[in-house]
Amino acid sequence: FPGMPEFPYGAYHGSELPFLLRYGTVRLTGEQQKLGDEM
């Protein structure tokens, strides 16, 4: 989500989406991509 204030969001609502689907310009790290592959 663009323009969000600083905050410890953790695994916030919708944060799993880029691990399953391509969403906008969001990019995953190498380890996150492995997690996405698992999901």
PDB file of all heavy atoms in Angstrom:
ATOM      1  N   PHE A   1       0.848  -1.190   0.000  1.00  0.00           N
ATOM      2  CA  PHE A   1       0.000   0.000   0.000  1.00  0.00           C
ATOM      3  C   PHE A   1       0.888   1.246   0.000  1.00  0.00           C
ATOM      4  O   PHE A   1       1.735   1.410   0.882  1.00  0.00           O
ATOM      5  CB  PHE A   1      -0.915   0.022   1.223  1.00  0.00           C
ATOM      6  CG  PHE A   1      -1.814  -1.178   1.334  1.00  0.00           C
ATOM      7  CD1 PHE A   1      -1.719  -2.032   2.423  1.00  0.00           C
ATOM      8  CD2 PHE A   1      -2.734  -1.463   0.345  1.00  0.00           C
ATOM      9  CE1 PHE A   1      -2.540  -3.147   2.533  1.00  0.00           C
ATOM     10  CE2 PHE A   1      -3.566  -2.573   0.437  1.00  0.00           C
ATOM     11  CZ  PHE A   1      -3.467  -3.412   1.538  1.00  0.00           C
ATOM     12  N   PRO A   2       0.705   2.143  -0.958  1.00  0.00           N
ATOM     13  CA  PRO A   2       1.582   3.322  -1.042  1.00  0.00           C
ATOM     14  C   PRO A   2       1.279   4.348   0.046  1.00  0.00           C
ATOM     15  O   PRO A   2       0.147   4.478   0.505  1.00  0.00           O
ATOM     16  CB  PRO A   2       1.257   3.890  -2.429  1.00  0.00           C
ATOM     17  CG  PRO A   2      -0.151   3.444  -2.704  1.00  0.00           C
ATOM     18  CD  PRO A   2      -0.284   2.101  -2.055  1.00  0.00           C
ATOM     19  N   GLY A   3       2.333   5.059   0.450  1.00  0.00           N
ATOM     20  CA  GLY A   3       2.165   6.210   1.330  1.00  0.00           C
ATOM     21  C   GLY A   3       1.816   5.895   2.769  1.00  0.00           C
ATOM     22  O   GLY A   3       1.297   6.762   3.480  1.00  0.00           O
ATOM     23  N   MET A   4       2.104   4.698   3.234  1.00  0.00           N
ATOM     24  CA  MET A   4       1.761   4.350   4.608  1.00  0.00           C
ATOM     25  C   MET A   4       2.772   4.969   5.585  1.00  0.00           C
ATOM     26  O   MET A   4       3.960   5.048   5.291  1.00  0.00           O
ATOM     27  CB  MET A   4       1.743   2.838   4.781  1.00  0.00           C
ATOM     28  CG  MET A   4       0.638   2.139   4.000  1.00  0.00           C
ATOM     29  SD  MET A   4      -1.018   2.671   4.491  1.00  0.00           S
ATOM     30  CE  MET A   4      -1.076   2.090   6.184  1.00  0.00           C
ATOM     31  N   PRO A   5       2.294   5.406   6.788  1.00  0.00           N
ATOM     32  CA  PRO A   5       3.208   5.981   7.778  1.00  0.00           C
ATOM     33  C   PRO A   5       4.124   4.911   8.372  1.00  0.00           C
ATOM     34  O   PRO A   5       3.870   3.707   8.266  1.00  0.00           O
ATOM     35  CB  PRO A   5       2.261   6.542   8.840  1.00  0.00           C
ATOM     36  CG  PRO A   5       1.016   5.724   8.720  1.00  0.00           C
ATOM     37  CD  PRO A   5       0.895   5.407   7.260  1.00  0.00           C
ATOM     38  N   GLU A   6       5.179   5.358   9.000  1.00  0.00           N
ATOM     39  CA  GLU A   6       6.115   4.436   9.657  1.00  0.00           C
ATOM     40  C   GLU A   6       5.398   3.708  10.791  1.00  0.00           C
ATOM     41  O   GLU A   6       4.718   4.329  11.619  1.00  0.00           O
ATOM     42  CB  GLU A   6       7.303   5.235  10.213  1.00  0.00           C
ATOM     43  CG  GLU A   6       8.491   4.395  10.595  1.00  0.00           C
ATOM     44  CD  GLU A   6       9.226   3.835   9.380  1.00  0.00           C
ATOM     45  OE1 GLU A   6       9.125   4.431   8.285  1.00  0.00           O
ATOM     46  OE2 GLU A   6       9.888   2.794   9.535  1.00  0.00           O
ATOM     47  N   PHE A   7       5.548   2.386  10.815  1.00  0.00           N
ATOM     48  CA  PHE A   7       4.883   1.584  11.850  1.00  0.00           C
ATOM     49  C   PHE A   7       5.395   0.160  11.731  1.00  0.00           C
ATOM     50  O   PHE A   7       5.722  -0.299  10.632  1.00  0.00           O
ATOM     51  CB  PHE A   7       3.349   1.607  11.650  1.00  0.00           C
ATOM     52  CG  PHE A   7       2.558   1.053  12.808  1.00  0.00           C
ATOM     53  CD1 PHE A   7       2.430   1.769  13.987  1.00  0.00           C
ATOM     54  CD2 PHE A   7       1.941  -0.188  12.717  1.00  0.00           C
ATOM     55  CE1 PHE A   7       1.704   1.256  15.062  1.00  0.00           C
ATOM     56  CE2 PHE A   7       1.213  -0.711  13.784  1.00  0.00           C
ATOM     57  CZ  PHE A   7       1.093   0.020  14.953  1.00  0.00           C
ATOM     58  N   PRO A   8       5.461  -0.595  12.836  1.00  0.00           N
ATOM     59  CA  PRO A   8       5.886  -2.004  12.756  1.00  0.00           C
ATOM     60  C   PRO A   8       4.734  -2.884  12.274  1.00  0.00           C
ATOM     61  O   PRO A   8       4.014  -3.494  13.057  1.00  0.00           O
ATOM     62  CB  PRO A   8       6.291  -2.319  14.204  1.00  0.00           C
ATOM     63  CG  PRO A   8       5.466  -1.406  15.040  1.00  0.00           C
ATOM     64  CD  PRO A   8       5.325  -0.135  14.247  1.00  0.00           C
ATOM     65  N   TYR A   9       4.579  -2.986  10.967  1.00  0.00           N
ATOM     66  CA  TYR A   9       3.388  -3.631  10.392  1.00  0.00           C
ATOM     67  C   TYR A   9       3.414  -5.146  10.524  1.00  0.00           C
ATOM     68  O   TYR A   9       2.362  -5.785  10.599  1.00  0.00           O
ATOM     69  CB  TYR A   9       3.258  -3.247   8.914  1.00  0.00           C
ATOM     70  CG  TYR A   9       2.867  -1.806   8.716  1.00  0.00           C
ATOM     71  CD1 TYR A   9       3.821  -0.851   8.379  1.00  0.00           C
ATOM     72  CD2 TYR A   9       1.560  -1.394   8.890  1.00  0.00           C
ATOM     73  CE1 TYR A   9       3.477   0.476   8.212  1.00  0.00           C
ATOM     74  CE2 TYR A   9       1.193  -0.071   8.724  1.00  0.00           C
ATOM     75  CZ  TYR A   9       2.150   0.864   8.380  1.00  0.00           C
ATOM     76  OH  TYR A   9       1.804   2.176   8.224  1.00  0.00           O
ATOM     77  N   GLY A  10       4.584  -5.760  10.500  1.00  0.00           N
ATOM     78  CA  GLY A  10       4.627  -7.208  10.525  1.00  0.00           C
ATOM     79  C   GLY A  10       3.911  -7.789   9.319  1.00  0.00           C
ATOM     80  O   GLY A  10       3.925  -7.235   8.221  1.00  0.00           O
ATOM     81  N   ALA A  11       3.268  -8.938   9.532  1.00  0.00           N
ATOM     82  CA  ALA A  11       2.531  -9.605   8.452  1.00  0.00           C
ATOM     83  C   ALA A  11       1.125  -9.014   8.389  1.00  0.00           C
ATOM     84  O   ALA A  11       0.146  -9.601   8.839  1.00  0.00           O
ATOM     85  CB  ALA A  11       2.484 -11.111   8.694  1.00  0.00           C
ATOM     86  N   TYR A  12       1.026  -7.840   7.791  1.00  0.00           N
ATOM     87  CA  TYR A  12      -0.215  -7.063   7.764  1.00  0.00           C
ATOM     88  C   TYR A  12      -1.211  -7.638   6.750  1.00  0.00           C
ATOM     89  O   TYR A  12      -0.894  -8.497   5.930  1.00  0.00           O
ATOM     90  CB  TYR A  12       0.102  -5.604   7.424  1.00  0.00           C
ATOM     91  CG  TYR A  12       0.771  -5.436   6.073  1.00  0.00           C
ATOM     92  CD1 TYR A  12       0.008  -5.220   4.929  1.00  0.00           C
ATOM     93  CD2 TYR A  12       2.152  -5.527   5.934  1.00  0.00           C
ATOM     94  CE1 TYR A  12       0.614  -5.092   3.681  1.00  0.00           C
ATOM     95  CE2 TYR A  12       2.760  -5.405   4.700  1.00  0.00           C
ATOM     96  CZ  TYR A  12       1.986  -5.182   3.574  1.00  0.00           C
ATOM     97  OH  TYR A  12       2.582  -5.068   2.342  1.00  0.00           O
ATOM     98  N   HIS A  13      -2.430  -7.131   6.805  1.00  0.00           N
ATOM     99  CA  HIS A  13      -3.508  -7.568   5.910  1.00  0.00           C
ATOM    100  C   HIS A  13      -3.103  -7.387   4.449  1.00  0.00           C
ATOM    101  O   HIS A  13      -2.744  -6.293   4.025  1.00  0.00           O
ATOM    102  CB  HIS A  13      -4.766  -6.741   6.194  1.00  0.00           C
ATOM    103  CG  HIS A  13      -5.954  -7.106   5.365  1.00  0.00           C
ATOM    104  ND1 HIS A  13      -6.700  -8.237   5.614  1.00  0.00           N
ATOM    105  CD2 HIS A  13      -6.543  -6.491   4.315  1.00  0.00           C
ATOM    106  CE1 HIS A  13      -7.698  -8.298   4.745  1.00  0.00           C
ATOM    107  NE2 HIS A  13      -7.622  -7.252   3.944  1.00  0.00           N
ATOM    108  N   GLY A  14      -3.148  -8.456   3.688  1.00  0.00           N
ATOM    109  CA  GLY A  14      -2.797  -8.411   2.277  1.00  0.00           C
ATOM    110  C   GLY A  14      -1.340  -8.674   1.984  1.00  0.00           C
ATOM    111  O   GLY A  14      -0.959  -8.773   0.814  1.00  0.00           O
ATOM    112  N   SER A  15      -0.511  -8.816   3.019  1.00  0.00           N
ATOM    113  CA  SER A  15       0.930  -8.928   2.770  1.00  0.00           C
ATOM    114  C   SER A  15       1.327 -10.253   2.140  1.00  0.00           C
ATOM    115  O   SER A  15       2.436 -10.384   1.610  1.00  0.00           O
ATOM    116  CB  SER A  15       1.714  -8.704   4.070  1.00  0.00           C
ATOM    117  OG  SER A  15       1.341  -9.639   5.071  1.00  0.00           O
ATOM    118  N   GLU A  16       0.442 -11.237   2.171  1.00  0.00           N
ATOM    119  CA  GLU A  16       0.764 -12.524   1.525  1.00  0.00           C
ATOM    120  C   GLU A  16       0.583 -12.476   0.015  1.00  0.00           C
ATOM    121  O   GLU A  16       1.076 -13.351  -0.711  1.00  0.00           O
ATOM    122  CB  GLU A  16      -0.098 -13.642   2.126  1.00  0.00           C
ATOM    123  CG  GLU A  16      -1.446 -13.877   1.481  1.00  0.00           C
ATOM    124  CD  GLU A  16      -2.520 -12.848   1.859  1.00  0.00           C
ATOM    125  OE1 GLU A  16      -2.182 -11.803   2.456  1.00  0.00           O
ATOM    126  OE2 GLU A  16      -3.697 -13.087   1.546  1.00  0.00           O
ATOM    127  N   LEU A  17      -0.117 -11.461  -0.499  1.00  0.00           N
ATOM    128  CA  LEU A  17      -0.496 -11.461  -1.921  1.00  0.00           C
ATOM    129  C   LEU A  17       0.704 -11.523  -2.867  1.00  0.00           C
ATOM    130  O   LEU A  17       0.692 -12.314  -3.817  1.00  0.00           O
ATOM    131  CB  LEU A  17      -1.371 -10.244  -2.223  1.00  0.00           C
ATOM    132  CG  LEU A  17      -2.753 -10.259  -1.565  1.00  0.00           C
ATOM    133  CD1 LEU A  17      -3.511  -8.976  -1.874  1.00  0.00           C
ATOM    134  CD2 LEU A  17      -3.557 -11.473  -1.991  1.00  0.00           C
ATOM    135  N   PRO A  18       1.776 -10.716  -2.676  1.00  0.00           N
ATOM    136  CA  PRO A  18       2.900 -10.800  -3.618  1.00  0.00           C
ATOM    137  C   PRO A  18       3.638 -12.134  -3.589  1.00  0.00           C
ATOM    138  O   PRO A  18       4.427 -12.418  -4.493  1.00  0.00           O
ATOM    139  CB  PRO A  18       3.831  -9.662  -3.164  1.00  0.00           C
ATOM    140  CG  PRO A  18       3.005  -8.780  -2.299  1.00  0.00           C
ATOM    141  CD  PRO A  18       1.997  -9.666  -1.666  1.00  0.00           C
ATOM    142  N   PHE A  19       3.386 -12.943  -2.566  1.00  0.00           N
ATOM    143  CA  PHE A  19       4.018 -14.250  -2.489  1.00  0.00           C
ATOM    144  C   PHE A  19       3.265 -15.280  -3.332  1.00  0.00           C
ATOM    145  O   PHE A  19       3.796 -16.355  -3.618  1.00  0.00           O
ATOM    146  CB  PHE A  19       4.098 -14.711  -1.037  1.00  0.00           C
ATOM    147  CG  PHE A  19       5.042 -13.884  -0.202  1.00  0.00           C
ATOM    148  CD1 PHE A  19       4.678 -12.622   0.244  1.00  0.00           C
ATOM    149  CD2 PHE A  19       6.300 -14.366   0.122  1.00  0.00           C
ATOM    150  CE1 PHE A  19       5.550 -11.850   0.999  1.00  0.00           C
ATOM    151  CE2 PHE A  19       7.179 -13.603   0.884  1.00  0.00           C
ATOM    152  CZ  PHE A  19       6.803 -12.337   1.311  1.00  0.00           C
ATOM    153  N   LEU A  20       2.059 -14.938  -3.732  1.00  0.00           N
ATOM    154  CA  LEU A  20       1.237 -15.836  -4.542  1.00  0.00           C
ATOM    155  C   LEU A  20       0.969 -15.289  -5.936  1.00  0.00           C
ATOM    156  O   LEU A  20       0.835 -16.041  -6.898  1.00  0.00           O
ATOM    157  CB  LEU A  20      -0.110 -16.072  -3.842  1.00  0.00           C
ATOM    158  CG  LEU A  20      -0.068 -16.859  -2.545  1.00  0.00           C
ATOM    159  CD1 LEU A  20      -1.368 -16.669  -1.775  1.00  0.00           C
ATOM    160  CD2 LEU A  20       0.157 -18.343  -2.828  1.00  0.00           C
ATOM    161  N   LEU A  21       0.865 -13.978  -6.040  1.00  0.00           N
ATOM    162  CA  LEU A  21       0.450 -13.300  -7.260  1.00  0.00           C
ATOM    163  C   LEU A  21       1.377 -12.125  -7.532  1.00  0.00           C
ATOM    164  O   LEU A  21       1.938 -11.535  -6.608  1.00  0.00           O
ATOM    165  CB  LEU A  21      -0.989 -12.786  -7.113  1.00  0.00           C
ATOM    166  CG  LEU A  21      -2.052 -13.832  -6.779  1.00  0.00           C
ATOM    167  CD1 LEU A  21      -3.215 -13.185  -6.059  1.00  0.00           C
ATOM    168  CD2 LEU A  21      -2.547 -14.521  -8.049  1.00  0.00           C
ATOM    169  N   ARG A  22       1.526 -11.758  -8.781  1.00  0.00           N
ATOM    170  CA  ARG A  22       2.302 -10.564  -9.117  1.00  0.00           C
ATOM    171  C   ARG A  22       1.411  -9.351  -8.861  1.00  0.00           C
ATOM    172  O   ARG A  22       0.318  -9.237  -9.397  1.00  0.00           O
ATOM    173  CB  ARG A  22       2.741 -10.631 -10.577  1.00  0.00           C
ATOM    174  CG  ARG A  22       3.662  -9.502 -11.012  1.00  0.00           C
ATOM    175  CD  ARG A  22       4.382  -9.843 -12.295  1.00  0.00           C
ATOM    176  NE  ARG A  22       3.556 -10.611 -13.220  1.00  0.00           N
ATOM    177  CZ  ARG A  22       2.641 -10.080 -14.027  1.00  0.00           C
ATOM    178  NH1 ARG A  22       2.407  -8.794 -13.991  1.00  0.00           N
ATOM    179  NH2 ARG A  22       1.949 -10.852 -14.856  1.00  0.00           N
ATOM    180  N   TYR A  23       1.895  -8.433  -8.015  1.00  0.00           N
ATOM    181  CA  TYR A  23       1.068  -7.311  -7.571  1.00  0.00           C
ATOM    182  C   TYR A  23       1.831  -6.010  -7.747  1.00  0.00           C
ATOM    183  O   TYR A  23       2.761  -5.707  -7.005  1.00  0.00           O
ATOM    184  CB  TYR A  23       0.666  -7.492  -6.104  1.00  0.00           C
ATOM    185  CG  TYR A  23      -0.403  -6.528  -5.636  1.00  0.00           C
ATOM    186  CD1 TYR A  23      -1.739  -6.754  -5.940  1.00  0.00           C
ATOM    187  CD2 TYR A  23      -0.073  -5.394  -4.910  1.00  0.00           C
ATOM    188  CE1 TYR A  23      -2.720  -5.875  -5.523  1.00  0.00           C
ATOM    189  CE2 TYR A  23      -1.047  -4.510  -4.487  1.00  0.00           C
ATOM    190  CZ  TYR A  23      -2.376  -4.747  -4.793  1.00  0.00           C
ATOM    191  OH  TYR A  23      -3.347  -3.864  -4.389  1.00  0.00           O
ATOM    192  N   GLY A  24       1.441  -5.222  -8.740  1.00  0.00           N
ATOM    193  CA  GLY A  24       2.082  -3.940  -8.996  1.00  0.00           C
ATOM    194  C   GLY A  24       3.569  -4.094  -9.236  1.00  0.00           C
ATOM    195  O   GLY A  24       4.028  -4.992  -9.934  1.00  0.00           O
ATOM    196  N   THR A  25       4.355  -3.210  -8.625  1.00  0.00           N
ATOM    197  CA  THR A  25       5.818  -3.239  -8.788  1.00  0.00           C
ATOM    198  C   THR A  25       6.518  -3.872  -7.588  1.00  0.00           C
ATOM    199  O   THR A  25       7.728  -3.763  -7.442  1.00  0.00           O
ATOM    200  CB  THR A  25       6.349  -1.807  -8.977  1.00  0.00           C
ATOM    201  OG1 THR A  25       5.992  -1.011  -7.836  1.00  0.00           O
ATOM    202  CG2 THR A  25       5.752  -1.173 -10.237  1.00  0.00           C
ATOM    203  N   VAL A  26       5.752  -4.529  -6.720  1.00  0.00           N
ATOM    204  CA  VAL A  26       6.326  -5.131  -5.509  1.00  0.00           C
ATOM    205  C   VAL A  26       7.283  -6.248  -5.899  1.00  0.00           C
ATOM    206  O   VAL A  26       6.980  -7.077  -6.755  1.00  0.00           O
ATOM    207  CB  VAL A  26       5.204  -5.677  -4.604  1.00  0.00           C
ATOM    208  CG1 VAL A  26       5.793  -6.418  -3.414  1.00  0.00           C
ATOM    209  CG2 VAL A  26       4.307  -4.540  -4.132  1.00  0.00           C
ATOM    210  N   ARG A  27       8.447  -6.244  -5.271  1.00  0.00           N
ATOM    211  CA  ARG A  27       9.446  -7.269  -5.528  1.00  0.00           C
ATOM    212  C   ARG A  27       9.839  -7.965  -4.215  1.00  0.00           C
ATOM    213  O   ARG A  27       9.900  -7.329  -3.162  1.00  0.00           O
ATOM    214  CB  ARG A  27      10.698  -6.660  -6.183  1.00  0.00           C
ATOM    215  CG  ARG A  27      10.427  -6.090  -7.569  1.00  0.00           C
ATOM    216  CD  ARG A  27      10.115  -7.194  -8.568  1.00  0.00           C
ATOM    217  NE  ARG A  27       9.820  -6.655  -9.888  1.00  0.00           N
ATOM    218  CZ  ARG A  27       8.598  -6.409 -10.333  1.00  0.00           C
ATOM    219  NH1 ARG A  27       7.560  -6.649  -9.551  1.00  0.00           N
ATOM    220  NH2 ARG A  27       8.410  -5.933 -11.548  1.00  0.00           N
ATOM    221  N   LEU A  28      10.123  -9.254  -4.308  1.00  0.00           N
ATOM    222  CA  LEU A  28      10.525 -10.040  -3.153  1.00  0.00           C
ATOM    223  C   LEU A  28      12.035 -10.239  -3.129  1.00  0.00           C
ATOM    224  O   LEU A  28      12.684 -10.230  -4.178  1.00  0.00           O
ATOM    225  CB  LEU A  28       9.853 -11.417  -3.195  1.00  0.00           C
ATOM    226  CG  LEU A  28       8.321 -11.444  -3.310  1.00  0.00           C
ATOM    227  CD1 LEU A  28       7.827 -12.893  -3.352  1.00  0.00           C
ATOM    228  CD2 LEU A  28       7.661 -10.696  -2.163  1.00  0.00           C
ATOM    229  N   THR A  29      12.578 -10.427  -1.920  1.00  0.00           N
ATOM    230  CA  THR A  29      13.983 -10.820  -1.805  1.00  0.00           C
ATOM    231  C   THR A  29      14.124 -12.281  -2.234  1.00  0.00           C
ATOM    232  O   THR A  29      13.129 -12.992  -2.440  1.00  0.00           O
ATOM    233  CB  THR A  29      14.462 -10.670  -0.360  1.00  0.00           C
ATOM    234  OG1 THR A  29      13.767 -11.630   0.459  1.00  0.00           O
ATOM    235  CG2 THR A  29      14.204  -9.270   0.178  1.00  0.00           C
ATOM    236  N   GLY A  30      15.346 -12.742  -2.342  1.00  0.00           N
ATOM    237  CA  GLY A  30      15.581 -14.130  -2.723  1.00  0.00           C
ATOM    238  C   GLY A  30      14.923 -15.114  -1.776  1.00  0.00           C
ATOM    239  O   GLY A  30      14.279 -16.086  -2.200  1.00  0.00           O
ATOM    240  N   GLU A  31      15.072 -14.898  -0.465  1.00  0.00           N
ATOM    241  CA  GLU A  31      14.459 -15.785   0.515  1.00  0.00           C
ATOM    242  C   GLU A  31      12.940 -15.703   0.460  1.00  0.00           C
ATOM    243  O   GLU A  31      12.238 -16.708   0.623  1.00  0.00           O
ATOM    244  CB  GLU A  31      14.965 -15.455   1.922  1.00  0.00           C
ATOM    245  CG  GLU A  31      16.406 -15.858   2.177  1.00  0.00           C
ATOM    246  CD  GLU A  31      16.596 -17.360   1.998  1.00  0.00           C
ATOM    247  OE1 GLU A  31      15.818 -18.139   2.598  1.00  0.00           O
ATOM    248  OE2 GLU A  31      17.513 -17.753   1.253  1.00  0.00           O
ATOM    249  N   GLN A  32      12.436 -14.497   0.249  1.00  0.00           N
ATOM    250  CA  GLN A  32      10.984 -14.346   0.143  1.00  0.00           C
ATOM    251  C   GLN A  32      10.442 -15.037  -1.105  1.00  0.00           C
ATOM    252  O   GLN A  32       9.349 -15.607  -1.073  1.00  0.00           O
ATOM    253  CB  GLN A  32      10.612 -12.864   0.149  1.00  0.00           C
ATOM    254  CG  GLN A  32      10.799 -12.208   1.504  1.00  0.00           C
ATOM    255  CD  GLN A  32      10.582 -10.710   1.463  1.00  0.00           C
ATOM    256  OE1 GLN A  32      10.618 -10.088   0.393  1.00  0.00           O
ATOM    257  NE2 GLN A  32      10.373 -10.105   2.616  1.00  0.00           N
ATOM    258  N   GLN A  33      11.213 -15.013  -2.188  1.00  0.00           N
ATOM    259  CA  GLN A  33      10.769 -15.698  -3.397  1.00  0.00           C
ATOM    260  C   GLN A  33      10.694 -17.208  -3.161  1.00  0.00           C
ATOM    261  O   GLN A  33       9.781 -17.883  -3.660  1.00  0.00           O
ATOM    262  CB  GLN A  33      11.704 -15.395  -4.564  1.00  0.00           C
ATOM    263  CG  GLN A  33      11.199 -15.918  -5.908  1.00  0.00           C
ATOM    264  CD  GLN A  33       9.823 -15.381  -6.245  1.00  0.00           C
ATOM    265  OE1 GLN A  33       9.631 -14.175  -6.422  1.00  0.00           O
ATOM    266  NE2 GLN A  33       8.831 -16.265  -6.343  1.00  0.00           N
ATOM    267  N   LYS A  34      11.640 -17.740  -2.388  1.00  0.00           N
ATOM    268  CA  LYS A  34      11.571 -19.164  -2.035  1.00  0.00           C
ATOM    269  C   LYS A  34      10.308 -19.458  -1.237  1.00  0.00           C
ATOM    270  O   LYS A  34       9.651 -20.489  -1.434  1.00  0.00           O
ATOM    271  CB  LYS A  34      12.802 -19.568  -1.229  1.00  0.00           C
ATOM    272  CG  LYS A  34      14.104 -19.594  -2.028  1.00  0.00           C
ATOM    273  CD  LYS A  34      15.270 -19.996  -1.133  1.00  0.00           C
ATOM    274  CE  LYS A  34      16.590 -19.959  -1.888  1.00  0.00           C
ATOM    275  NZ  LYS A  34      17.738 -20.279  -0.986  1.00  0.00           N
ATOM    276  N   LEU A  35       9.966 -18.546  -0.316  1.00  0.00           N
ATOM    277  CA  LEU A  35       8.734 -18.713   0.454  1.00  0.00           C
ATOM    278  C   LEU A  35       7.521 -18.647  -0.473  1.00  0.00           C
ATOM    279  O   LEU A  35       6.571 -19.432  -0.334  1.00  0.00           O
ATOM    280  CB  LEU A  35       8.639 -17.645   1.538  1.00  0.00           C
ATOM    281  CG  LEU A  35       7.354 -17.641   2.377  1.00  0.00           C
ATOM    282  CD1 LEU A  35       7.205 -18.964   3.134  1.00  0.00           C
ATOM    283  CD2 LEU A  35       7.343 -16.453   3.339  1.00  0.00           C
ATOM    284  N   GLY A  36       7.565 -17.704  -1.431  1.00  0.00           N
ATOM    285  CA  GLY A  36       6.483 -17.618  -2.399  1.00  0.00           C
ATOM    286  C   GLY A  36       6.328 -18.904  -3.197  1.00  0.00           C
ATOM    287  O   GLY A  36       5.209 -19.375  -3.433  1.00  0.00           O
ATOM    288  N   ASP A  37       7.441 -19.479  -3.596  1.00  0.00           N
ATOM    289  CA  ASP A  37       7.386 -20.750  -4.330  1.00  0.00           C
ATOM    290  C   ASP A  37       6.736 -21.844  -3.482  1.00  0.00           C
ATOM    291  O   ASP A  37       5.963 -22.667  -3.989  1.00  0.00           O
ATOM    292  CB  ASP A  37       8.790 -21.185  -4.738  1.00  0.00           C
ATOM    293  CG  ASP A  37       9.429 -20.258  -5.769  1.00  0.00           C
ATOM    294  OD1 ASP A  37       8.688 -19.482  -6.416  1.00  0.00           O
ATOM    295  OD2 ASP A  37      10.667 -20.305  -5.911  1.00  0.00           O
ATOM    296  N   GLU A  38       7.061 -21.829  -2.189  1.00  0.00           N
ATOM    297  CA  GLU A  38       6.468 -22.826  -1.289  1.00  0.00           C
ATOM    298  C   GLU A  38       4.950 -22.639  -1.193  1.00  0.00           C
ATOM    299  O   GLU A  38       4.179 -23.613  -1.248  1.00  0.00           O
ATOM    300  CB  GLU A  38       7.098 -22.712   0.102  1.00  0.00           C
ATOM    301  CG  GLU A  38       6.545 -23.702   1.120  1.00  0.00           C
ATOM    302  CD  GLU A  38       7.082 -23.466   2.524  1.00  0.00           C
ATOM    303  OE1 GLU A  38       8.031 -22.667   2.685  1.00  0.00           O
ATOM    304  OE2 GLU A  38       6.531 -24.079   3.463  1.00  0.00           O
ATOM    305  N   MET A  39       4.516 -21.374  -1.076  1.00  0.00           N
ATOM    306  CA  MET A  39       3.087 -21.104  -0.969  1.00  0.00           C
ATOM    307  C   MET A  39       2.367 -21.419  -2.273  1.00  0.00           C
ATOM    308  O   MET A  39       1.286 -22.025  -2.264  1.00  0.00           O
ATOM    309  CB  MET A  39       2.870 -19.649  -0.557  1.00  0.00           C
ATOM    310  CG  MET A  39       3.374 -19.334   0.845  1.00  0.00           C
ATOM    311  SD  MET A  39       3.167 -17.600   1.302  1.00  0.00           S
ATOM    312  CE  MET A  39       1.368 -17.469   1.368  1.00  0.00           C
TER     313      MET A  39
END
